[in-house]
Amino acid sequence: MAGGHLMLVLGISTATAQVGCAIAGHEGIIASFQSSKGRRHAETLAPAIEFLSVQARVPLREISAVAIDVGPGLFTGLRVGISTAKALASTLRVPMIGVTSLDLLAFPVRWSDRRIVSVVDARRGEVFFSFYRQVPGGVQRLSEHRVGTPAELCSEIQAVGGEVLAVGDGAIRYRDDLAELTRVEVGDGSLAYPSPGSLVELAHAQALREEFVQPWELEPVYLRKADAEINWQVRERPDQGAGGLGGPG
């Protein structure tokens, strides 16, 4: 796919409470949409992509690659975003680029000289988190993506030492826990969710380097069992058995 001037990337981000999509070309972000209010991801996403295409005056057939936030995040949102993105990429016969939600949260604060910790609210008293630092032209991830309690996050932050900037809806939700640590600043609401603009900016650079995956190769980052699966296991009575609903998975 030579000729970067023709490279147009559509990005979809639904791993958190926010539904977002954006289109970028060589001149940067052409259009973006985001909503974190009320409506369900499945109902919002397809009309949002259509609206974006019209506003940007970019017919979907001109898209060169589809980028997706692969999580970690909320199971239902992730599933909606990834299945939509895969279907689009297959229909348009274009490759995909996957970026994690924690990497996306760190990207807008890449200018910070502090350690950055991206924190996504995982619900059920847990958070997904990862540490980053500034490097020329971006951020470098310093740790694996983890899932843990706010207390575990706090002890990890203390172990890192130095000044820390915490971003994401998980950092905002557990602001009080983080406030007890010295040298930690919590980013504001504008940094609460992975930005579809960041997604297409990062993905456009990867697209120019041809760092693609095929739709069937793209895997979500779950870090733990799906909520639906956990709820089912909790509900299931030992004496009733699985009721012939097929094996695990």
C-alpha atoms as a PDB file:
ATOM      1  CA  MET A   1       0.000   0.000   0.000  1.00  0.00           C
ATOM      2  CA  ALA A   2       2.428   2.608  -1.113  1.00  0.00           C
ATOM      3  CA  GLY A   3       1.395   6.215  -1.473  1.00  0.00           C
ATOM      4  CA  GLY A   4       0.724   7.446   2.053  1.00  0.00           C
ATOM      5  CA  HIS A   5      -1.286  10.368   0.695  1.00  0.00           C
ATOM      6  CA  LEU A   6      -4.093   7.908  -0.147  1.00  0.00           C
ATOM      7  CA  MET A   7      -3.965   6.122   3.188  1.00  0.00           C
ATOM      8  CA  LEU A   8      -7.216   6.666   5.084  1.00  0.00           C
ATOM      9  CA  VAL A   9      -7.775   4.925   8.412  1.00  0.00           C
ATOM     10  CA  LEU A  10     -11.107   4.403  10.161  1.00  0.00           C
ATOM     11  CA  GLY A  11     -10.771   3.860  13.921  1.00  0.00           C
ATOM     12  CA  ILE A  12     -13.359   2.348  16.290  1.00  0.00           C
ATOM     13  CA  SER A  13     -13.132   2.493  20.084  1.00  0.00           C
ATOM     14  CA  THR A  14     -15.838   0.894  22.263  1.00  0.00           C
ATOM     15  CA  ALA A  15     -13.820  -0.881  24.988  1.00  0.00           C
ATOM     16  CA  THR A  16     -14.954   1.512  27.744  1.00  0.00           C
ATOM     17  CA  ALA A  17     -18.158   3.433  28.544  1.00  0.00           C
ATOM     18  CA  GLN A  18     -17.460   5.652  25.504  1.00  0.00           C
ATOM     19  CA  VAL A  19     -18.337   4.890  21.898  1.00  0.00           C
ATOM     20  CA  GLY A  20     -15.899   6.596  19.559  1.00  0.00           C
ATOM     21  CA  CYS A  21     -14.867   6.541  15.921  1.00  0.00           C
ATOM     22  CA  ALA A  22     -12.608   8.690  13.771  1.00  0.00           C
ATOM     23  CA  ILE A  23     -11.077   8.948  10.308  1.00  0.00           C
ATOM     24  CA  ALA A  24      -7.518  10.123   9.669  1.00  0.00           C
ATOM     25  CA  GLY A  25      -5.398  10.725   6.591  1.00  0.00           C
ATOM     26  CA  HIS A  26      -1.910  12.096   5.989  1.00  0.00           C
ATOM     27  CA  GLU A  27      -3.046  15.535   7.240  1.00  0.00           C
ATOM     28  CA  GLY A  28      -4.143  14.074  10.562  1.00  0.00           C
ATOM     29  CA  ILE A  29      -7.645  13.599  11.986  1.00  0.00           C
ATOM     30  CA  ILE A  30     -10.338  14.444   9.429  1.00  0.00           C
ATOM     31  CA  ALA A  31     -13.363  13.796  11.646  1.00  0.00           C
ATOM     32  CA  SER A  32     -14.172  12.133  14.938  1.00  0.00           C
ATOM     33  CA  PHE A  33     -17.241  11.218  16.979  1.00  0.00           C
ATOM     34  CA  GLN A  34     -17.526  10.276  20.624  1.00  0.00           C
ATOM     35  CA  SER A  35     -20.368   9.721  23.057  1.00  0.00           C
ATOM     36  CA  SER A  36     -20.259   8.406  26.603  1.00  0.00           C
ATOM     37  CA  LYS A  37     -23.903   9.069  27.388  1.00  0.00           C
ATOM     38  CA  GLY A  38     -26.527   6.462  28.104  1.00  0.00           C
ATOM     39  CA  ARG A  39     -27.113   4.710  24.810  1.00  0.00           C
ATOM     40  CA  ARG A  40     -25.806   1.249  24.248  1.00  0.00           C
ATOM     41  CA  HIS A  41     -22.722   0.627  22.144  1.00  0.00           C
ATOM     42  CA  ALA A  42     -24.505  -1.674  19.691  1.00  0.00           C
ATOM     43  CA  GLU A  43     -27.178   0.946  18.910  1.00  0.00           C
ATOM     44  CA  THR A  44     -24.753   3.857  18.671  1.00  0.00           C
ATOM     45  CA  LEU A  45     -21.830   2.492  16.683  1.00  0.00           C
ATOM     46  CA  ALA A  46     -23.198   1.819  13.168  1.00  0.00           C
ATOM     47  CA  PRO A  47     -25.047   5.188  12.879  1.00  0.00           C
ATOM     48  CA  ALA A  48     -21.934   6.927  14.275  1.00  0.00           C
ATOM     49  CA  ILE A  49     -19.708   5.407  11.560  1.00  0.00           C
ATOM     50  CA  GLU A  50     -22.233   6.425   8.883  1.00  0.00           C
ATOM     51  CA  PHE A  51     -22.459   9.980  10.304  1.00  0.00           C
ATOM     52  CA  LEU A  52     -18.655  10.204  10.392  1.00  0.00           C
ATOM     53  CA  SER A  53     -18.308   9.062   6.781  1.00  0.00           C
ATOM     54  CA  VAL A  54     -20.814  11.725   5.644  1.00  0.00           C
ATOM     55  CA  GLN A  55     -19.292  14.533   7.742  1.00  0.00           C
ATOM     56  CA  ALA A  56     -15.758  13.695   6.604  1.00  0.00           C
ATOM     57  CA  ARG A  57     -16.917  13.291   2.971  1.00  0.00           C
ATOM     58  CA  VAL A  58     -15.055   9.991   2.932  1.00  0.00           C
ATOM     59  CA  PRO A  59     -17.051   7.077   1.468  1.00  0.00           C
ATOM     60  CA  LEU A  60     -16.232   3.894   3.381  1.00  0.00           C
ATOM     61  CA  ARG A  61     -14.970   2.280   0.152  1.00  0.00           C
ATOM     62  CA  GLU A  62     -12.034   4.764   0.265  1.00  0.00           C
ATOM     63  CA  ILE A  63     -10.861   3.493   3.682  1.00  0.00           C
ATOM     64  CA  SER A  64      -7.453   1.743   3.500  1.00  0.00           C
ATOM     65  CA  ALA A  65      -7.416   0.139   6.962  1.00  0.00           C
ATOM     66  CA  VAL A  66      -9.678  -0.337   9.990  1.00  0.00           C
ATOM     67  CA  ALA A  67      -8.167   0.308  13.435  1.00  0.00           C
ATOM     68  CA  ILE A  68      -9.744  -1.007  16.623  1.00  0.00           C
ATOM     69  CA  ASP A  69      -9.261  -0.588  20.363  1.00  0.00           C
ATOM     70  CA  VAL A  70      -8.693  -4.232  21.391  1.00  0.00           C
ATOM     71  CA  GLY A  71      -9.139  -3.644  25.160  1.00  0.00           C
ATOM     72  CA  PRO A  72      -8.765  -4.449  27.951  1.00  0.00           C
ATOM     73  CA  GLY A  73     -12.181  -3.052  28.792  1.00  0.00           C
ATOM     74  CA  LEU A  74     -15.828  -3.880  29.281  1.00  0.00           C
ATOM     75  CA  PHE A  75     -16.737  -7.169  27.645  1.00  0.00           C
ATOM     76  CA  THR A  76     -19.926  -6.145  25.826  1.00  0.00           C
ATOM     77  CA  GLY A  77     -18.480  -2.951  24.381  1.00  0.00           C
ATOM     78  CA  LEU A  78     -15.323  -4.746  23.283  1.00  0.00           C
ATOM     79  CA  ARG A  79     -17.306  -7.461  21.559  1.00  0.00           C
ATOM     80  CA  VAL A  80     -19.501  -4.945  19.698  1.00  0.00           C
ATOM     81  CA  GLY A  81     -16.515  -2.875  18.520  1.00  0.00           C
ATOM     82  CA  ILE A  82     -14.357  -5.788  17.438  1.00  0.00           C
ATOM     83  CA  SER A  83     -17.130  -7.651  15.594  1.00  0.00           C
ATOM     84  CA  THR A  84     -18.173  -4.427  13.794  1.00  0.00           C
ATOM     85  CA  ALA A  85     -14.567  -3.594  12.872  1.00  0.00           C
ATOM     86  CA  LYS A  86     -13.876  -7.138  11.615  1.00  0.00           C
ATOM     87  CA  ALA A  87     -17.070  -7.161   9.544  1.00  0.00           C
ATOM     88  CA  LEU A  88     -16.189  -3.789   7.991  1.00  0.00           C
ATOM     89  CA  ALA A  89     -12.609  -4.798   7.234  1.00  0.00           C
ATOM     90  CA  SER A  90     -13.791  -8.051   5.635  1.00  0.00           C
ATOM     91  CA  THR A  91     -16.446  -6.274   3.545  1.00  0.00           C
ATOM     92  CA  LEU A  92     -14.020  -3.556   2.420  1.00  0.00           C
ATOM     93  CA  ARG A  93     -11.218  -6.131   1.985  1.00  0.00           C
ATOM     94  CA  VAL A  94      -8.773  -4.020   3.961  1.00  0.00           C
ATOM     95  CA  PRO A  95      -6.349  -5.002   6.744  1.00  0.00           C
ATOM     96  CA  MET A  96      -6.708  -4.125  10.433  1.00  0.00           C
ATOM     97  CA  ILE A  97      -4.607  -2.540  13.164  1.00  0.00           C
ATOM     98  CA  GLY A  98      -5.202  -3.277  16.844  1.00  0.00           C
ATOM     99  CA  VAL A  99      -4.173  -0.882  19.636  1.00  0.00           C
ATOM    100  CA  THR A 100      -4.826  -1.494  23.337  1.00  0.00           C
ATOM    101  CA  SER A 101      -7.044   0.829  25.361  1.00  0.00           C
ATOM    102  CA  LEU A 102      -4.258   1.424  27.914  1.00  0.00           C
ATOM    103  CA  ASP A 103      -1.793   2.460  25.171  1.00  0.00           C
ATOM    104  CA  LEU A 104      -4.462   4.814  23.794  1.00  0.00           C
ATOM    105  CA  LEU A 105      -4.993   6.472  27.182  1.00  0.00           C
ATOM    106  CA  ALA A 106      -1.262   7.169  27.547  1.00  0.00           C
ATOM    107  CA  PHE A 107      -0.846   8.668  24.050  1.00  0.00           C
ATOM    108  CA  PRO A 108      -2.450  12.134  24.645  1.00  0.00           C
ATOM    109  CA  VAL A 109      -0.162  12.751  27.657  1.00  0.00           C
ATOM    110  CA  ARG A 110       3.038  11.601  25.897  1.00  0.00           C
ATOM    111  CA  TRP A 111       4.577  15.046  26.573  1.00  0.00           C
ATOM    112  CA  SER A 112       4.584  14.386  30.322  1.00  0.00           C
ATOM    113  CA  ASP A 113       8.003  13.831  31.892  1.00  0.00           C
ATOM    114  CA  ARG A 114       6.359  11.884  34.737  1.00  0.00           C
ATOM    115  CA  ARG A 115       5.643   8.181  34.783  1.00  0.00           C
ATOM    116  CA  ILE A 116       2.202   7.658  33.267  1.00  0.00           C
ATOM    117  CA  VAL A 117      -0.230   5.010  34.507  1.00  0.00           C
ATOM    118  CA  SER A 118      -3.295   4.278  32.371  1.00  0.00           C
ATOM    119  CA  VAL A 119      -6.211   2.964  34.434  1.00  0.00           C
ATOM    120  CA  VAL A 120      -9.445   1.562  32.972  1.00  0.00           C
ATOM    121  CA  ASP A 121     -12.377   0.863  35.301  1.00  0.00           C
ATOM    122  CA  ALA A 122     -12.916  -2.910  35.058  1.00  0.00           C
ATOM    123  CA  ARG A 123     -16.012  -2.791  37.310  1.00  0.00           C
ATOM    124  CA  ARG A 124     -16.501  -5.251  40.209  1.00  0.00           C
ATOM    125  CA  GLY A 125     -13.927  -3.353  42.299  1.00  0.00           C
ATOM    126  CA  GLU A 126     -11.069  -3.911  39.848  1.00  0.00           C
ATOM    127  CA  VAL A 127      -9.041  -1.872  37.363  1.00  0.00           C
ATOM    128  CA  PHE A 128      -6.953  -2.640  34.276  1.00  0.00           C
ATOM    129  CA  PHE A 129      -3.658  -0.745  34.335  1.00  0.00           C
ATOM    130  CA  SER A 130      -0.243  -0.326  32.729  1.00  0.00           C
ATOM    131  CA  PHE A 131       2.778   1.997  33.211  1.00  0.00           C
ATOM    132  CA  TYR A 132       4.429   4.170  30.544  1.00  0.00           C
ATOM    133  CA  ARG A 133       7.185   6.720  30.116  1.00  0.00           C
ATOM    134  CA  GLN A 134       7.913   9.410  27.585  1.00  0.00           C
ATOM    135  CA  VAL A 135      10.253   8.527  24.712  1.00  0.00           C
ATOM    136  CA  PRO A 136      11.042  10.635  21.617  1.00  0.00           C
ATOM    137  CA  GLY A 137       7.880  10.761  19.511  1.00  0.00           C
ATOM    138  CA  GLY A 138       5.582   8.911  21.896  1.00  0.00           C
ATOM    139  CA  VAL A 139       5.359   6.674  24.932  1.00  0.00           C
ATOM    140  CA  GLN A 140       6.927   3.357  25.846  1.00  0.00           C
ATOM    141  CA  ARG A 141       5.058   0.757  27.861  1.00  0.00           C
ATOM    142  CA  LEU A 142       7.030  -0.311  30.935  1.00  0.00           C
ATOM    143  CA  SER A 143       4.806  -3.128  32.197  1.00  0.00           C
ATOM    144  CA  GLU A 144       2.409  -5.826  31.115  1.00  0.00           C
ATOM    145  CA  HIS A 145      -1.288  -4.985  31.121  1.00  0.00           C
ATOM    146  CA  ARG A 146      -2.585  -6.005  34.544  1.00  0.00           C
ATOM    147  CA  VAL A 147      -5.915  -6.425  36.298  1.00  0.00           C
ATOM    148  CA  GLY A 148      -6.087  -5.788  40.040  1.00  0.00           C
ATOM    149  CA  THR A 149      -7.774  -3.966  42.888  1.00  0.00           C
ATOM    150  CA  PRO A 150      -7.274  -0.220  43.472  1.00  0.00           C
ATOM    151  CA  ALA A 151      -5.116  -1.195  46.491  1.00  0.00           C
ATOM    152  CA  GLU A 152      -2.852  -3.283  44.250  1.00  0.00           C
ATOM    153  CA  LEU A 153      -2.633  -0.389  41.791  1.00  0.00           C
ATOM    154  CA  CYS A 154      -1.645   1.974  44.633  1.00  0.00           C
ATOM    155  CA  SER A 155       1.121  -0.328  45.866  1.00  0.00           C
ATOM    156  CA  GLU A 156       2.452  -0.649  42.281  1.00  0.00           C
ATOM    157  CA  ILE A 157       2.481   3.167  41.980  1.00  0.00           C
ATOM    158  CA  GLN A 158       4.393   3.443  45.265  1.00  0.00           C
ATOM    159  CA  ALA A 159       6.922   0.877  44.028  1.00  0.00           C
ATOM    160  CA  VAL A 160       7.508   2.966  40.878  1.00  0.00           C
ATOM    161  CA  GLY A 161       8.392   6.049  42.951  1.00  0.00           C
ATOM    162  CA  GLY A 162       8.722   9.575  41.602  1.00  0.00           C
ATOM    163  CA  GLU A 163       5.983  11.705  40.071  1.00  0.00           C
ATOM    164  CA  VAL A 164       3.083   9.817  38.485  1.00  0.00           C
ATOM    165  CA  LEU A 165       0.269  10.995  36.201  1.00  0.00           C
ATOM    166  CA  ALA A 166      -2.766   8.670  36.336  1.00  0.00           C
ATOM    167  CA  VAL A 167      -5.248   8.827  33.442  1.00  0.00           C
ATOM    168  CA  GLY A 168      -8.460   6.992  32.566  1.00  0.00           C
ATOM    169  CA  ASP A 169     -11.923   6.422  34.009  1.00  0.00           C
ATOM    170  CA  GLY A 170     -10.452   3.991  36.566  1.00  0.00           C
ATOM    171  CA  ALA A 171      -8.128   6.707  37.903  1.00  0.00           C
ATOM    172  CA  ILE A 172     -11.094   9.085  38.161  1.00  0.00           C
ATOM    173  CA  ARG A 173     -13.319   6.505  39.863  1.00  0.00           C
ATOM    174  CA  TYR A 174     -10.654   5.669  42.470  1.00  0.00           C
ATOM    175  CA  ARG A 175      -9.347   9.229  42.746  1.00  0.00           C
ATOM    176  CA  ASP A 176      -9.692   9.142  46.555  1.00  0.00           C
ATOM    177  CA  ASP A 177      -7.473   6.057  46.858  1.00  0.00           C
ATOM    178  CA  LEU A 178      -4.871   7.658  44.578  1.00  0.00           C
ATOM    179  CA  ALA A 179      -5.096  10.998  46.427  1.00  0.00           C
ATOM    180  CA  GLU A 180      -3.663   9.309  49.519  1.00  0.00           C
ATOM    181  CA  LEU A 181      -0.406   8.772  47.609  1.00  0.00           C
ATOM    182  CA  THR A 182       1.932  11.730  47.380  1.00  0.00           C
ATOM    183  CA  ARG A 183       3.268  12.757  43.966  1.00  0.00           C
ATOM    184  CA  VAL A 184       0.258  11.387  42.043  1.00  0.00           C
ATOM    185  CA  GLU A 185      -1.850  13.624  39.822  1.00  0.00           C
ATOM    186  CA  VAL A 186      -5.122  12.318  38.352  1.00  0.00           C
ATOM    187  CA  GLY A 187      -5.908  13.473  34.819  1.00  0.00           C
ATOM    188  CA  ASP A 188      -9.240  15.227  34.235  1.00  0.00           C
ATOM    189  CA  GLY A 189     -12.380  14.032  32.457  1.00  0.00           C
ATOM    190  CA  SER A 190     -10.989  14.858  29.014  1.00  0.00           C
ATOM    191  CA  LEU A 191      -8.511  11.993  29.547  1.00  0.00           C
ATOM    192  CA  ALA A 192     -11.084   9.527  30.914  1.00  0.00           C
ATOM    193  CA  TYR A 193     -11.563   7.410  27.801  1.00  0.00           C
ATOM    194  CA  PRO A 194      -9.405   6.106  24.934  1.00  0.00           C
ATOM    195  CA  SER A 195      -9.656   8.756  22.231  1.00  0.00           C
ATOM    196  CA  PRO A 196     -10.667   7.648  18.723  1.00  0.00           C
ATOM    197  CA  GLY A 197      -8.447  10.511  17.496  1.00  0.00           C
ATOM    198  CA  SER A 198      -5.428   8.973  19.259  1.00  0.00           C
ATOM    199  CA  LEU A 199      -6.367   5.601  17.784  1.00  0.00           C
ATOM    200  CA  VAL A 200      -6.347   6.811  14.175  1.00  0.00           C
ATOM    201  CA  GLU A 201      -3.184   8.893  14.682  1.00  0.00           C
ATOM    202  CA  LEU A 202      -1.305   5.895  16.075  1.00  0.00           C
ATOM    203  CA  ALA A 203      -2.827   3.537  13.520  1.00  0.00           C
ATOM    204  CA  HIS A 204      -2.056   5.816  10.563  1.00  0.00           C
ATOM    205  CA  ALA A 205       1.642   5.761  11.513  1.00  0.00           C
ATOM    206  CA  GLN A 206       1.488   1.941  11.806  1.00  0.00           C
ATOM    207  CA  ALA A 207      -0.340   1.699   8.469  1.00  0.00           C
ATOM    208  CA  LEU A 208       2.440   3.618   6.723  1.00  0.00           C
ATOM    209  CA  ARG A 209       4.867   1.031   8.160  1.00  0.00           C
ATOM    210  CA  GLU A 210       2.444  -1.703   6.989  1.00  0.00           C
ATOM    211  CA  GLU A 211       2.068  -3.123  10.516  1.00  0.00           C
ATOM    212  CA  PHE A 212      -1.248  -4.809   9.770  1.00  0.00           C
ATOM    213  CA  VAL A 213      -3.131  -7.872  10.964  1.00  0.00           C
ATOM    214  CA  GLN A 214      -5.834  -9.700   9.037  1.00  0.00           C
ATOM    215  CA  PRO A 215      -9.373  -9.638  10.506  1.00  0.00           C
ATOM    216  CA  TRP A 216      -9.219 -13.314  11.514  1.00  0.00           C
ATOM    217  CA  GLU A 217      -5.896 -12.781  13.341  1.00  0.00           C
ATOM    218  CA  LEU A 218      -7.120  -9.927  15.538  1.00  0.00           C
ATOM    219  CA  GLU A 219      -7.659 -10.914  19.178  1.00  0.00           C
ATOM    220  CA  PRO A 220      -9.199  -8.877  22.015  1.00  0.00           C
ATOM    221  CA  VAL A 221      -7.264  -8.363  25.255  1.00  0.00           C
ATOM    222  CA  TYR A 222      -9.560  -9.653  27.994  1.00  0.00           C
ATOM    223  CA  LEU A 223      -7.255 -10.173  31.061  1.00  0.00           C
ATOM    224  CA  ARG A 224     -10.097 -11.973  32.843  1.00  0.00           C
ATOM    225  CA  LYS A 225     -13.169 -14.073  32.105  1.00  0.00           C
ATOM    226  CA  ALA A 226     -16.153 -12.319  30.591  1.00  0.00           C
ATOM    227  CA  ASP A 227     -18.660 -11.015  33.139  1.00  0.00           C
ATOM    228  CA  ALA A 228     -21.445 -13.045  31.513  1.00  0.00           C
ATOM    229  CA  GLU A 229     -19.447 -16.246  31.981  1.00  0.00           C
ATOM    230  CA  ILE A 230     -18.693 -15.436  35.633  1.00  0.00           C
ATOM    231  CA  ASN A 231     -22.353 -14.650  36.340  1.00  0.00           C
ATOM    232  CA  TRP A 232     -23.399 -17.928  34.753  1.00  0.00           C
ATOM    233  CA  GLN A 233     -20.942 -19.870  36.921  1.00  0.00           C
ATOM    234  CA  VAL A 234     -22.232 -18.112  40.024  1.00  0.00           C
ATOM    235  CA  ARG A 235     -25.864 -18.881  39.130  1.00  0.00           C
ATOM    236  CA  GLU A 236     -25.299 -22.496  38.177  1.00  0.00           C
ATOM    237  CA  ARG A 237     -26.268 -24.923  40.960  1.00  0.00           C
ATOM    238  CA  PRO A 238     -23.898 -27.873  41.439  1.00  0.00           C
ATOM    239  CA  ASP A 239     -26.864 -30.289  41.568  1.00  0.00           C
ATOM    240  CA  GLN A 240     -28.290 -29.056  38.263  1.00  0.00           C
ATOM    241  CA  GLY A 241     -25.224 -29.569  36.127  1.00  0.00           C
ATOM    242  CA  ALA A 242     -24.630 -27.539  32.989  1.00  0.00           C
ATOM    243  CA  GLY A 243     -27.911 -28.618  31.424  1.00  0.00           C
ATOM    244  CA  GLY A 244     -26.314 -29.783  28.172  1.00  0.00           C
ATOM    245  CA  LEU A 245     -25.397 -26.267  26.973  1.00  0.00           C
ATOM    246  CA  GLY A 246     -22.156 -27.463  25.422  1.00  0.00           C
ATOM    247  CA  GLY A 247     -18.660 -27.550  26.831  1.00  0.00           C
ATOM    248  CA  PRO A 248     -16.684 -24.655  28.347  1.00  0.00           C
ATOM    249  CA  GLY A 249     -15.968 -21.556  26.263  1.00  0.00           C
END
